[in-house]
């Protein structure tokens, strides 16, 4: 029986210091007509533990490309609450 691999959407976030961190989309949430992604730290090395916290990013579309941007404080709070409710169910 062939094992099906789940496709992982990996997002590269460049920090203020220029370092790159990799995240996988853990969930996509719609709120107030906008799309947000819950991004969990990601590593291709299965033996390496993912360190760091998940982040929330708003997904904007610019020139047909998805761009991940920081949400406003209001967006962050609302999406975080919605994600908490999803994970409690």
N, C-alpha and C. Protein backbone atom coordinates (compact mmCIF):
# COMPACT_ATOMS: atom_id res chain seq x y z
N UNK A 1 0.84 -1.18 0.00
CA UNK A 1 0.00 0.00 0.00
C UNK A 1 0.89 1.25 0.00
N UNK A 2 0.66 2.11 -0.92
CA UNK A 2 1.46 3.33 -1.02
C UNK A 2 1.06 4.32 0.07
N UNK A 3 2.07 4.89 0.69
CA UNK A 3 1.82 5.88 1.75
C UNK A 3 1.63 7.25 1.11
N UNK A 4 0.52 7.90 1.43
CA UNK A 4 0.27 9.23 0.90
C UNK A 4 0.92 10.27 1.80
N UNK A 5 1.68 11.14 1.18
CA UNK A 5 2.33 12.21 1.93
C UNK A 5 1.45 13.45 1.88
N UNK A 6 1.29 14.05 3.04
CA UNK A 6 0.50 15.28 3.11
C UNK A 6 1.38 16.44 2.65
N UNK A 7 0.85 17.23 1.73
CA UNK A 7 1.61 18.38 1.24
C UNK A 7 1.62 19.46 2.32
N UNK A 8 2.79 19.95 2.62
CA UNK A 8 2.94 20.97 3.65
C UNK A 8 3.26 22.29 2.97
N UNK A 9 2.48 23.32 3.30
CA UNK A 9 2.73 24.67 2.79
C UNK A 9 3.77 25.31 3.71
N UNK A 10 5.01 25.47 3.22
CA UNK A 10 6.08 26.05 4.03
C UNK A 10 6.25 27.51 3.66
N UNK A 11 6.31 28.35 4.68
CA UNK A 11 6.43 29.79 4.50
C UNK A 11 7.75 30.24 5.12
N UNK A 12 8.51 31.04 4.40
CA UNK A 12 9.76 31.58 4.92
C UNK A 12 9.50 33.00 5.41
N UNK A 13 9.80 33.23 6.68
CA UNK A 13 9.65 34.56 7.28
C UNK A 13 11.05 35.10 7.55
N UNK A 14 11.32 36.30 7.06
CA UNK A 14 12.61 36.94 7.30
C UNK A 14 12.48 37.88 8.48
N UNK A 15 13.28 37.63 9.52
CA UNK A 15 13.24 38.45 10.72
C UNK A 15 13.89 39.80 10.52
N UNK A 16 13.74 40.65 11.52
CA UNK A 16 14.31 42.00 11.44
C UNK A 16 15.82 41.96 11.30
N UNK A 17 16.44 40.89 11.85
CA UNK A 17 17.91 40.77 11.78
C UNK A 17 18.36 40.10 10.48
N UNK A 18 17.41 39.78 9.58
CA UNK A 18 17.75 39.18 8.30
C UNK A 18 17.77 37.66 8.32
N UNK A 19 17.58 37.06 9.49
CA UNK A 19 17.58 35.60 9.55
C UNK A 19 16.27 35.05 9.02
N UNK A 20 16.33 33.85 8.43
CA UNK A 20 15.13 33.24 7.88
C UNK A 20 14.64 32.14 8.81
N UNK A 21 13.34 32.12 9.03
CA UNK A 21 12.71 31.07 9.82
C UNK A 21 11.64 30.44 8.96
N UNK A 22 11.42 29.14 9.16
CA UNK A 22 10.47 28.41 8.34
C UNK A 22 9.26 28.01 9.17
N UNK A 23 8.09 28.19 8.57
CA UNK A 23 6.83 27.88 9.23
C UNK A 23 5.95 27.07 8.29
N UNK A 24 5.10 26.23 8.88
CA UNK A 24 4.12 25.47 8.11
C UNK A 24 2.73 25.98 8.48
N UNK A 25 1.86 26.04 7.50
CA UNK A 25 0.49 26.48 7.76
C UNK A 25 -0.22 25.41 8.57
N UNK A 26 -0.56 25.73 9.82
CA UNK A 26 -1.27 24.79 10.68
C UNK A 26 -2.77 24.92 10.49
N UNK A 27 -3.23 26.12 10.14
CA UNK A 27 -4.65 26.35 9.92
C UNK A 27 -4.82 27.64 9.14
N UNK A 28 -5.94 27.73 8.44
CA UNK A 28 -6.30 28.95 7.73
C UNK A 28 -7.66 29.37 8.26
N UNK A 29 -7.78 30.63 8.67
CA UNK A 29 -8.99 31.14 9.30
C UNK A 29 -9.47 32.38 8.54
N UNK A 30 -10.77 32.42 8.29
CA UNK A 30 -11.38 33.60 7.67
C UNK A 30 -11.95 34.46 8.80
N UNK A 31 -11.67 35.76 8.75
CA UNK A 31 -12.24 36.69 9.73
C UNK A 31 -12.39 38.06 9.09
N UNK A 32 -13.55 38.64 9.23
CA UNK A 32 -13.84 39.99 8.76
C UNK A 32 -13.49 40.16 7.27
N UNK A 33 -13.78 39.11 6.48
CA UNK A 33 -13.54 39.18 5.04
C UNK A 33 -12.08 39.02 4.63
N UNK A 34 -11.23 38.69 5.58
CA UNK A 34 -9.81 38.52 5.29
C UNK A 34 -9.39 37.10 5.65
N UNK A 35 -8.27 36.66 5.10
CA UNK A 35 -7.75 35.32 5.35
C UNK A 35 -6.49 35.42 6.20
N UNK A 36 -6.42 34.55 7.22
CA UNK A 36 -5.27 34.52 8.12
C UNK A 36 -4.72 33.11 8.20
N UNK A 37 -3.43 32.99 8.43
CA UNK A 37 -2.81 31.68 8.58
C UNK A 37 -2.20 31.58 9.98
N UNK A 38 -2.40 30.41 10.59
CA UNK A 38 -1.68 30.09 11.82
C UNK A 38 -0.44 29.36 11.35
N UNK A 39 0.72 29.91 11.63
CA UNK A 39 1.98 29.34 11.16
C UNK A 39 2.76 28.75 12.32
N UNK A 40 3.07 27.45 12.23
CA UNK A 40 3.82 26.75 13.27
C UNK A 40 5.26 26.58 12.80
N UNK A 41 6.23 26.66 13.73
CA UNK A 41 7.63 26.46 13.34
C UNK A 41 7.79 25.12 12.60
N UNK A 42 8.65 25.11 11.58
CA UNK A 42 8.78 23.93 10.72
C UNK A 42 10.25 23.59 10.51
N UNK A 43 10.52 22.28 10.50
CA UNK A 43 11.85 21.80 10.17
C UNK A 43 11.69 20.53 9.35
N UNK A 44 12.48 20.40 8.27
CA UNK A 44 12.41 19.18 7.45
C UNK A 44 13.07 18.01 8.17
N UNK A 45 13.95 18.28 9.11
CA UNK A 45 14.64 17.24 9.86
C UNK A 45 13.69 16.70 10.93
N UNK A 46 13.23 15.47 10.75
CA UNK A 46 12.25 14.89 11.68
C UNK A 46 12.80 14.74 13.09
N UNK A 47 14.13 14.61 13.23
CA UNK A 47 14.74 14.44 14.54
C UNK A 47 14.87 15.77 15.29
N UNK A 48 14.84 16.86 14.54
CA UNK A 48 15.00 18.19 15.14
C UNK A 48 13.64 18.67 15.63
N UNK A 49 13.58 19.05 16.90
CA UNK A 49 12.31 19.55 17.43
C UNK A 49 12.08 20.96 16.93
N UNK A 50 10.81 21.21 16.59
CA UNK A 50 10.45 22.57 16.19
C UNK A 50 10.45 23.44 17.43
N UNK A 51 11.20 24.52 17.36
CA UNK A 51 11.24 25.40 18.52
C UNK A 51 10.61 26.73 18.14
N UNK A 52 10.12 27.40 19.14
CA UNK A 52 9.51 28.69 18.88
C UNK A 52 8.00 28.59 18.95
N UNK A 53 7.38 29.74 18.86
CA UNK A 53 5.93 29.82 18.98
C UNK A 53 5.29 29.93 17.60
N UNK A 54 4.04 29.52 17.55
CA UNK A 54 3.27 29.72 16.33
C UNK A 54 2.98 31.21 16.19
N UNK A 55 2.81 31.65 14.97
CA UNK A 55 2.50 33.05 14.72
C UNK A 55 1.24 33.15 13.86
N UNK A 56 0.64 34.31 13.86
CA UNK A 56 -0.54 34.58 13.03
C UNK A 56 -0.13 35.59 11.97
N UNK A 57 -0.47 35.29 10.72
CA UNK A 57 -0.17 36.21 9.63
C UNK A 57 -1.43 36.41 8.78
N UNK A 58 -1.63 37.64 8.33
CA UNK A 58 -2.72 37.90 7.40
C UNK A 58 -2.20 37.59 5.99
N UNK A 59 -3.03 36.95 5.18
CA UNK A 59 -2.62 36.62 3.82
C UNK A 59 -3.25 37.64 2.88
N UNK A 60 -2.42 38.48 2.32
CA UNK A 60 -2.85 39.45 1.32
C UNK A 60 -2.43 38.92 -0.05
N UNK A 61 -3.12 39.32 -1.10
CA UNK A 61 -2.74 38.93 -2.45
C UNK A 61 -2.26 40.18 -3.18
N UNK A 62 -1.01 40.13 -3.62
CA UNK A 62 -0.41 41.24 -4.37
C UNK A 62 0.12 40.68 -5.69
N UNK A 63 -0.32 41.22 -6.80
CA UNK A 63 0.09 40.76 -8.12
C UNK A 63 -0.12 39.26 -8.30
N UNK A 64 -1.22 38.74 -7.74
CA UNK A 64 -1.55 37.34 -7.88
C UNK A 64 -0.78 36.41 -6.95
N UNK A 65 0.08 36.95 -6.11
CA UNK A 65 0.89 36.16 -5.18
C UNK A 65 0.40 36.35 -3.76
N UNK A 66 0.40 35.27 -2.97
CA UNK A 66 0.05 35.37 -1.55
C UNK A 66 1.23 35.98 -0.80
N UNK A 67 0.93 36.99 0.00
CA UNK A 67 1.95 37.66 0.80
C UNK A 67 1.50 37.59 2.26
N UNK A 68 2.37 37.13 3.13
CA UNK A 68 2.06 37.02 4.55
C UNK A 68 2.53 38.27 5.26
N UNK A 69 1.59 38.96 5.92
CA UNK A 69 1.91 40.21 6.61
C UNK A 69 1.42 40.15 8.05
N UNK A 70 2.00 40.99 8.88
CA UNK A 70 1.59 41.04 10.29
C UNK A 70 0.18 41.61 10.39
N UNK A 71 -0.66 40.98 11.19
CA UNK A 71 -2.02 41.49 11.38
C UNK A 71 -2.02 42.69 12.32
N UNK A 72 -3.11 43.46 12.31
CA UNK A 72 -3.26 44.52 13.30
C UNK A 72 -3.51 43.87 14.66
N UNK A 73 -3.42 44.64 15.72
CA UNK A 73 -3.68 44.10 17.06
C UNK A 73 -5.09 43.54 17.15
N UNK A 74 -6.07 44.25 16.59
CA UNK A 74 -7.46 43.80 16.62
C UNK A 74 -7.62 42.47 15.87
N UNK A 75 -7.01 42.38 14.69
CA UNK A 75 -7.07 41.15 13.91
C UNK A 75 -6.42 40.00 14.66
N UNK A 76 -5.26 40.26 15.25
CA UNK A 76 -4.54 39.23 15.99
C UNK A 76 -5.40 38.67 17.11
N UNK A 77 -5.98 39.54 17.92
CA UNK A 77 -6.81 39.11 19.05
C UNK A 77 -8.00 38.29 18.58
N UNK A 78 -8.69 38.74 17.55
CA UNK A 78 -9.89 38.05 17.07
C UNK A 78 -9.54 36.68 16.49
N UNK A 79 -8.48 36.60 15.71
CA UNK A 79 -8.09 35.33 15.09
C UNK A 79 -7.55 34.36 16.15
N UNK A 80 -6.80 34.88 17.12
CA UNK A 80 -6.29 34.02 18.19
C UNK A 80 -7.45 33.40 18.97
N UNK A 81 -8.47 34.19 19.26
CA UNK A 81 -9.64 33.66 19.98
C UNK A 81 -10.36 32.61 19.15
N UNK A 82 -10.51 32.87 17.86
CA UNK A 82 -11.19 31.92 16.98
C UNK A 82 -10.38 30.62 16.90
N UNK A 83 -9.06 30.71 16.83
CA UNK A 83 -8.21 29.52 16.76
C UNK A 83 -8.31 28.71 18.06
N UNK A 84 -8.34 29.41 19.20
CA UNK A 84 -8.49 28.72 20.49
C UNK A 84 -9.78 27.92 20.52
N UNK A 85 -10.87 28.54 20.04
CA UNK A 85 -12.16 27.83 20.00
C UNK A 85 -12.07 26.60 19.10
N UNK A 86 -11.38 26.72 17.97
CA UNK A 86 -11.24 25.60 17.04
C UNK A 86 -10.47 24.45 17.69
N UNK A 87 -9.43 24.76 18.43
CA UNK A 87 -8.59 23.71 19.00
C UNK A 87 -9.24 23.08 20.23
N UNK A 88 -10.19 23.76 20.85
CA UNK A 88 -10.88 23.20 22.01
C UNK A 88 -11.94 22.19 21.60
N UNK A 89 -12.44 22.29 20.38
CA UNK A 89 -13.52 21.41 19.91
C UNK A 89 -13.02 20.03 19.57
